[in-house]
Amino acid sequence: MTPLYLSDEEWMRRAIALSRLCPPSPGAYSVGAVIVDAGGMELAYGYSREGDASVHAEESALAKLVPGDARLRSATLYSTLEPCSERRSRPDPCARLVIAAGVRRVVIAWREPALFVAACSGVADLRAAGIEVVELTRLGEAARRVNAHLPAVGSGGS
């Protein structure tokens, strides 16, 4: 298969399209994630509630790869929302899963608002682990629109 040399923005648009596949939930964000190797090949994708009402997008994408997959050390994970730093439904938040997987670069469109947790520290946790984090804030509004079913988001909340 020929690699797709897409820009960060194009990969994020793919993640946003995946987020639209999420069954809306009044208690959860709709998030899409894509993992791309250093050569521009998509390794895996995921979205919130894909096959499991509690699964997060990053978690779903990572679960499709073999733990310890060497390609992850040079991969980029694109997520429409900052990886969570706290969660109720699983023992490990997504930021910890990304760190443990060995991903070295994460691109997000939107920081997690203080809706379900007081303050998400996903970006800070990733950076503290030496992971490069890029924020594509120009696509943040597109990621937020998918979450208009959440009152604080739909009303323009951060």
C-alpha atoms as a PDB file:
ATOM      1  CA  MET A   1       0.000   0.000   0.000  1.00  0.00           C
ATOM      2  CA  THR A   2       1.349   3.439  -0.894  1.00  0.00           C
ATOM      3  CA  PRO A   3       1.773   5.857   2.025  1.00  0.00           C
ATOM      4  CA  LEU A   4      -0.487   8.895   2.119  1.00  0.00           C
ATOM      5  CA  TYR A   5       1.673  11.932   2.743  1.00  0.00           C
ATOM      6  CA  LEU A   6      -0.997  14.045   4.324  1.00  0.00           C
ATOM      7  CA  SER A   7      -0.501  17.143   6.427  1.00  0.00           C
ATOM      8  CA  ASP A   8      -1.345  17.297  10.118  1.00  0.00           C
ATOM      9  CA  GLU A   9      -4.475  19.221   9.168  1.00  0.00           C
ATOM     10  CA  GLU A  10      -5.596  16.532   6.709  1.00  0.00           C
ATOM     11  CA  TRP A  11      -5.079  13.765   9.270  1.00  0.00           C
ATOM     12  CA  MET A  12      -6.994  15.794  11.846  1.00  0.00           C
ATOM     13  CA  ARG A  13      -9.866  16.184   9.400  1.00  0.00           C
ATOM     14  CA  ARG A  14      -9.900  12.365   9.151  1.00  0.00           C
ATOM     15  CA  ALA A  15     -10.085  12.175  12.964  1.00  0.00           C
ATOM     16  CA  ILE A  16     -12.937  14.711  12.989  1.00  0.00           C
ATOM     17  CA  ALA A  17     -14.802  12.608  10.405  1.00  0.00           C
ATOM     18  CA  LEU A  18     -14.347   9.569  12.663  1.00  0.00           C
ATOM     19  CA  SER A  19     -15.725  11.517  15.641  1.00  0.00           C
ATOM     20  CA  ARG A  20     -18.987  11.903  13.722  1.00  0.00           C
ATOM     21  CA  LEU A  21     -19.398   8.095  13.896  1.00  0.00           C
ATOM     22  CA  CYS A  22     -19.719   8.222  17.692  1.00  0.00           C
ATOM     23  CA  PRO A  23     -23.146   7.509  19.099  1.00  0.00           C
ATOM     24  CA  PRO A  24     -23.940  10.772  20.964  1.00  0.00           C
ATOM     25  CA  SER A  25     -23.935  10.446  24.744  1.00  0.00           C
ATOM     26  CA  PRO A  26     -25.058  13.046  27.295  1.00  0.00           C
ATOM     27  CA  GLY A  27     -22.144  12.008  29.505  1.00  0.00           C
ATOM     28  CA  ALA A  28     -19.242  11.736  27.071  1.00  0.00           C
ATOM     29  CA  TYR A  29     -17.404  13.517  24.291  1.00  0.00           C
ATOM     30  CA  SER A  30     -17.462  12.298  20.701  1.00  0.00           C
ATOM     31  CA  VAL A  31     -13.807  11.951  19.727  1.00  0.00           C
ATOM     32  CA  GLY A  32     -11.953  10.519  16.754  1.00  0.00           C
ATOM     33  CA  ALA A  33      -8.340   9.334  16.689  1.00  0.00           C
ATOM     34  CA  VAL A  34      -5.907   8.164  14.020  1.00  0.00           C
ATOM     35  CA  ILE A  35      -2.424   6.700  14.464  1.00  0.00           C
ATOM     36  CA  VAL A  36      -0.046   7.300  11.554  1.00  0.00           C
ATOM     37  CA  ASP A  37       3.439   5.844  11.175  1.00  0.00           C
ATOM     38  CA  ALA A  38       6.550   7.837  10.252  1.00  0.00           C
ATOM     39  CA  GLY A  39       6.091   6.921   6.583  1.00  0.00           C
ATOM     40  CA  GLY A  40       2.580   8.374   6.399  1.00  0.00           C
ATOM     41  CA  MET A  41       0.660   5.087   6.646  1.00  0.00           C
ATOM     42  CA  GLU A  42      -2.414   4.855   8.815  1.00  0.00           C
ATOM     43  CA  LEU A  43      -1.786   2.181  11.433  1.00  0.00           C
ATOM     44  CA  ALA A  44      -5.105   2.317  13.283  1.00  0.00           C
ATOM     45  CA  TYR A  45      -8.097   4.480  14.003  1.00  0.00           C
ATOM     46  CA  GLY A  46     -10.718   4.667  16.700  1.00  0.00           C
ATOM     47  CA  TYR A  47     -13.627   6.688  17.930  1.00  0.00           C
ATOM     48  CA  SER A  48     -15.493   7.052  21.192  1.00  0.00           C
ATOM     49  CA  ARG A  49     -17.908   4.234  21.973  1.00  0.00           C
ATOM     50  CA  GLU A  50     -16.668   2.156  19.020  1.00  0.00           C
ATOM     51  CA  GLY A  51     -17.925  -1.290  19.969  1.00  0.00           C
ATOM     52  CA  ASP A  52     -18.019  -0.502  23.704  1.00  0.00           C
ATOM     53  CA  ALA A  53     -20.022   2.204  25.475  1.00  0.00           C
ATOM     54  CA  SER A  54     -17.005   3.126  27.635  1.00  0.00           C
ATOM     55  CA  VAL A  55     -14.159   3.059  25.107  1.00  0.00           C
ATOM     56  CA  HIS A  56     -12.346   6.293  24.264  1.00  0.00           C
ATOM     57  CA  ALA A  57     -11.033   7.056  20.778  1.00  0.00           C
ATOM     58  CA  GLU A  58      -7.311   6.850  21.584  1.00  0.00           C
ATOM     59  CA  GLU A  59      -7.881   3.663  23.581  1.00  0.00           C
ATOM     60  CA  SER A  60      -9.789   2.101  20.676  1.00  0.00           C
ATOM     61  CA  ALA A  61      -7.069   2.959  18.158  1.00  0.00           C
ATOM     62  CA  LEU A  62      -4.239   1.710  20.379  1.00  0.00           C
ATOM     63  CA  ALA A  63      -6.103  -1.548  21.090  1.00  0.00           C
ATOM     64  CA  LYS A  64      -5.999  -2.392  17.378  1.00  0.00           C
ATOM     65  CA  LEU A  65      -2.203  -2.623  17.497  1.00  0.00           C
ATOM     66  CA  VAL A  66      -0.020  -5.209  19.174  1.00  0.00           C
ATOM     67  CA  PRO A  67       1.294  -3.892  22.513  1.00  0.00           C
ATOM     68  CA  GLY A  68       4.901  -2.818  22.070  1.00  0.00           C
ATOM     69  CA  ASP A  69       4.549  -2.326  18.289  1.00  0.00           C
ATOM     70  CA  ALA A  70       7.878  -0.673  17.386  1.00  0.00           C
ATOM     71  CA  ARG A  71       6.172   1.575  14.825  1.00  0.00           C
ATOM     72  CA  LEU A  72       4.525   3.514  17.652  1.00  0.00           C
ATOM     73  CA  ARG A  73       7.885   5.010  18.702  1.00  0.00           C
ATOM     74  CA  SER A  74       7.917   7.092  15.514  1.00  0.00           C
ATOM     75  CA  ALA A  75       4.162   7.427  15.055  1.00  0.00           C
ATOM     76  CA  THR A  76       1.851  10.394  15.451  1.00  0.00           C
ATOM     77  CA  LEU A  77      -1.494  10.077  17.186  1.00  0.00           C
ATOM     78  CA  TYR A  78      -4.152  12.529  16.004  1.00  0.00           C
ATOM     79  CA  SER A  79      -7.014  13.102  18.430  1.00  0.00           C
ATOM     80  CA  THR A  80      -9.816  15.606  18.136  1.00  0.00           C
ATOM     81  CA  LEU A  81      -9.719  16.166  21.908  1.00  0.00           C
ATOM     82  CA  GLU A  82      -6.892  16.317  24.419  1.00  0.00           C
ATOM     83  CA  PRO A  83      -6.272  12.773  25.731  1.00  0.00           C
ATOM     84  CA  CYS A  84      -7.965  12.395  29.109  1.00  0.00           C
ATOM     85  CA  SER A  85      -5.931  12.450  32.302  1.00  0.00           C
ATOM     86  CA  GLU A  86      -8.700  11.073  34.493  1.00  0.00           C
ATOM     87  CA  ARG A  87     -11.632   8.747  33.908  1.00  0.00           C
ATOM     88  CA  ARG A  88     -14.240   6.791  35.802  1.00  0.00           C
ATOM     89  CA  SER A  89     -14.867   3.871  33.450  1.00  0.00           C
ATOM     90  CA  ARG A  90     -11.340   2.429  33.189  1.00  0.00           C
ATOM     91  CA  PRO A  91      -8.239   2.294  35.389  1.00  0.00           C
ATOM     92  CA  ASP A  92      -5.965   4.090  32.902  1.00  0.00           C
ATOM     93  CA  PRO A  93      -6.738   7.431  31.273  1.00  0.00           C
ATOM     94  CA  CYS A  94      -5.825   7.911  27.620  1.00  0.00           C
ATOM     95  CA  ALA A  95      -2.797  10.112  28.298  1.00  0.00           C
ATOM     96  CA  ARG A  96      -1.272   7.265  30.334  1.00  0.00           C
ATOM     97  CA  LEU A  97      -2.132   4.737  27.589  1.00  0.00           C
ATOM     98  CA  VAL A  98      -0.444   6.919  24.953  1.00  0.00           C
ATOM     99  CA  ILE A  99       2.665   7.312  27.112  1.00  0.00           C
ATOM    100  CA  ALA A 100       2.821   3.561  27.821  1.00  0.00           C
ATOM    101  CA  ALA A 101       2.416   2.767  24.107  1.00  0.00           C
ATOM    102  CA  GLY A 102       5.564   4.749  23.295  1.00  0.00           C
ATOM    103  CA  VAL A 103       3.968   7.270  20.934  1.00  0.00           C
ATOM    104  CA  ARG A 104       6.333  10.251  20.600  1.00  0.00           C
ATOM    105  CA  ARG A 105       4.049  12.824  18.924  1.00  0.00           C
ATOM    106  CA  VAL A 106       0.409  13.771  19.532  1.00  0.00           C
ATOM    107  CA  VAL A 107      -1.661  16.296  17.573  1.00  0.00           C
ATOM    108  CA  ILE A 108      -4.929  17.598  19.042  1.00  0.00           C
ATOM    109  CA  ALA A 109      -7.603  20.009  17.851  1.00  0.00           C
ATOM    110  CA  TRP A 110      -9.137  20.979  21.169  1.00  0.00           C
ATOM    111  CA  ARG A 111      -8.267  20.975  24.875  1.00  0.00           C
ATOM    112  CA  GLU A 112     -10.723  19.178  27.139  1.00  0.00           C
ATOM    113  CA  PRO A 113     -13.117  21.659  28.786  1.00  0.00           C
ATOM    114  CA  ALA A 114     -13.886  21.436  32.514  1.00  0.00           C
ATOM    115  CA  LEU A 115     -17.165  19.595  31.928  1.00  0.00           C
ATOM    116  CA  PHE A 116     -16.617  16.062  33.254  1.00  0.00           C
ATOM    117  CA  VAL A 117     -13.358  16.668  35.146  1.00  0.00           C
ATOM    118  CA  ALA A 118     -12.265  19.858  36.884  1.00  0.00           C
ATOM    119  CA  ALA A 119      -9.028  20.200  34.940  1.00  0.00           C
ATOM    120  CA  CYS A 120      -7.640  17.836  32.327  1.00  0.00           C
ATOM    121  CA  SER A 121      -3.850  17.595  32.414  1.00  0.00           C
ATOM    122  CA  GLY A 122      -3.465  15.329  29.368  1.00  0.00           C
ATOM    123  CA  VAL A 123      -1.280  17.742  27.385  1.00  0.00           C
ATOM    124  CA  ALA A 124       0.887  18.485  30.433  1.00  0.00           C
ATOM    125  CA  ASP A 125       1.232  14.755  31.214  1.00  0.00           C
ATOM    126  CA  LEU A 126       2.249  13.966  27.634  1.00  0.00           C
ATOM    127  CA  ARG A 127       4.793  16.791  27.537  1.00  0.00           C
ATOM    128  CA  ALA A 128       6.207  15.766  30.926  1.00  0.00           C
ATOM    129  CA  ALA A 129       6.808  12.308  29.407  1.00  0.00           C
ATOM    130  CA  GLY A 130       8.802  13.893  26.557  1.00  0.00           C
ATOM    131  CA  ILE A 131       6.055  13.618  23.955  1.00  0.00           C
ATOM    132  CA  GLU A 132       5.750  16.407  21.405  1.00  0.00           C
ATOM    133  CA  VAL A 133       2.225  17.853  21.480  1.00  0.00           C
ATOM    134  CA  VAL A 134       0.942  20.008  18.626  1.00  0.00           C
ATOM    135  CA  GLU A 135      -2.335  21.898  18.924  1.00  0.00           C
ATOM    136  CA  LEU A 136      -4.270  22.629  15.732  1.00  0.00           C
ATOM    137  CA  THR A 137      -6.538  25.208  17.322  1.00  0.00           C
ATOM    138  CA  ARG A 138      -7.827  26.301  13.898  1.00  0.00           C
ATOM    139  CA  LEU A 139      -9.691  22.962  13.775  1.00  0.00           C
ATOM    140  CA  GLY A 140     -10.936  23.187  17.362  1.00  0.00           C
ATOM    141  CA  GLU A 141     -14.313  24.581  16.340  1.00  0.00           C
ATOM    142  CA  ALA A 142     -14.918  21.657  13.969  1.00  0.00           C
ATOM    143  CA  ALA A 143     -14.148  19.215  16.808  1.00  0.00           C
ATOM    144  CA  ARG A 144     -16.426  21.150  19.193  1.00  0.00           C
ATOM    145  CA  ARG A 145     -19.336  21.127  16.717  1.00  0.00           C
ATOM    146  CA  VAL A 146     -19.417  17.329  16.817  1.00  0.00           C
ATOM    147  CA  ASN A 147     -19.990  17.689  20.562  1.00  0.00           C
ATOM    148  CA  ALA A 148     -22.868  20.163  20.374  1.00  0.00           C
ATOM    149  CA  HIS A 149     -25.041  17.519  22.094  1.00  0.00           C
ATOM    150  CA  LEU A 150     -23.254  18.432  25.346  1.00  0.00           C
ATOM    151  CA  PRO A 151     -24.858  21.515  26.938  1.00  0.00           C
ATOM    152  CA  ALA A 152     -21.674  23.381  27.891  1.00  0.00           C
ATOM    153  CA  VAL A 153     -20.145  22.683  24.480  1.00  0.00           C
ATOM    154  CA  GLY A 154     -23.233  23.428  22.397  1.00  0.00           C
ATOM    155  CA  SER A 155     -23.667  26.758  24.143  1.00  0.00           C
ATOM    156  CA  GLY A 156     -20.159  27.858  23.258  1.00  0.00           C
ATOM    157  CA  GLY A 157     -18.389  26.648  26.397  1.00  0.00           C
ATOM    158  CA  SER A 158     -14.644  26.143  26.138  1.00  0.00           C
END
